Amino acid sequence: MSEKIKIGVIGCGRIAHAAHLPSYKNNSDAEIVYCCDLIKEKAEKAAKEYGGKAITDYKIILNDPEI
């Protein structure tokens, strides 16, 4: 069994909810680690629905060596 690809989604708006987040959630090879949006409530909503940690600073994702 291979290790899952760890995902950090930057931007949790309409397109992310319509395409990116559901696709990653339904992909058995992917794991959503971060949901990031400047609007904290959007990040929290995405994390609650799709998994991962809600954050507002995209630099956390860029600096995480596992992503």
Protein backbone atom coordinates (compact mmCIF):
# COMPACT_ATOMS: atom_id res chain seq x y z
CA MET A 1 0.00 0.00 0.00
CA SER A 2 1.42 3.37 -0.99
CA GLU A 3 1.48 6.46 1.18
CA LYS A 4 -1.27 9.01 0.61
CA ILE A 5 -0.53 12.31 -1.10
CA LYS A 6 -1.03 15.08 1.44
CA ILE A 7 -3.05 18.04 0.15
CA GLY A 8 -3.28 21.67 1.21
CA VAL A 9 -6.11 23.57 -0.48
CA ILE A 10 -5.59 27.32 -0.73
CA GLY A 11 -8.90 29.07 -1.29
CA CYS A 12 -12.12 27.48 0.00
CA GLY A 13 -14.67 29.26 -2.16
CA ARG A 14 -17.19 28.09 -4.71
CA ILE A 15 -14.79 26.33 -7.10
CA ALA A 16 -13.03 24.48 -4.27
CA HIS A 17 -16.38 23.17 -2.98
CA ALA A 18 -17.63 22.29 -6.46
CA ALA A 19 -14.51 20.55 -7.73
CA HIS A 20 -11.27 20.34 -5.75
CA LEU A 21 -12.37 19.40 -2.24
CA PRO A 22 -14.88 16.67 -3.18
CA SER A 23 -12.43 15.20 -5.67
CA TYR A 24 -9.63 14.98 -3.12
CA LYS A 25 -11.98 13.60 -0.45
CA ASN A 26 -13.15 10.86 -2.81
CA ASN A 27 -9.62 9.95 -3.92
CA SER A 28 -8.31 7.10 -1.79
CA ASP A 29 -4.72 8.16 -2.60
CA ALA A 30 -5.19 11.71 -1.21
CA GLU A 31 -5.47 13.15 2.28
CA ILE A 32 -6.61 16.73 2.86
CA VAL A 33 -4.34 18.15 5.55
CA TYR A 34 -5.16 21.87 5.30
CA CYS A 35 -8.09 23.98 4.18
CA CYS A 36 -6.89 27.56 3.86
CA ASP A 37 -8.85 30.74 3.21
CA LEU A 38 -8.40 34.37 4.24
CA ILE A 39 -11.94 34.21 5.58
CA LYS A 40 -11.66 31.99 8.64
CA GLU A 41 -15.28 30.80 8.44
CA LYS A 42 -14.77 29.50 4.88
CA ALA A 43 -11.71 27.53 5.94
CA GLU A 44 -13.55 26.12 8.96
CA LYS A 45 -16.57 25.10 6.88
CA ALA A 46 -14.35 23.30 4.35
CA ALA A 47 -12.34 21.54 7.06
CA LYS A 48 -15.51 20.41 8.84
CA GLU A 49 -16.99 19.01 5.64
CA TYR A 50 -13.88 17.58 3.95
CA GLY A 51 -11.31 17.11 6.70
CA GLY A 52 -8.01 18.74 7.49
CA LYS A 53 -7.08 21.71 9.61
CA ALA A 54 -8.64 25.13 8.98
CA ILE A 55 -6.02 27.87 8.56
CA THR A 56 -5.89 31.42 7.22
CA ASP A 57 -2.16 31.67 6.39
CA TYR A 58 -1.21 29.93 3.14
CA LYS A 59 2.48 30.10 4.09
CA ILE A 60 1.87 27.27 6.55
CA ILE A 61 1.07 25.01 3.60
CA LEU A 62 4.02 26.21 1.55
CA ASN A 63 6.40 25.61 4.46
CA ASP A 64 5.11 22.14 5.37
CA PRO A 65 7.59 19.63 3.86
CA GLU A 66 4.95 16.86 3.83
CA ILE A 67 2.64 18.74 1.48
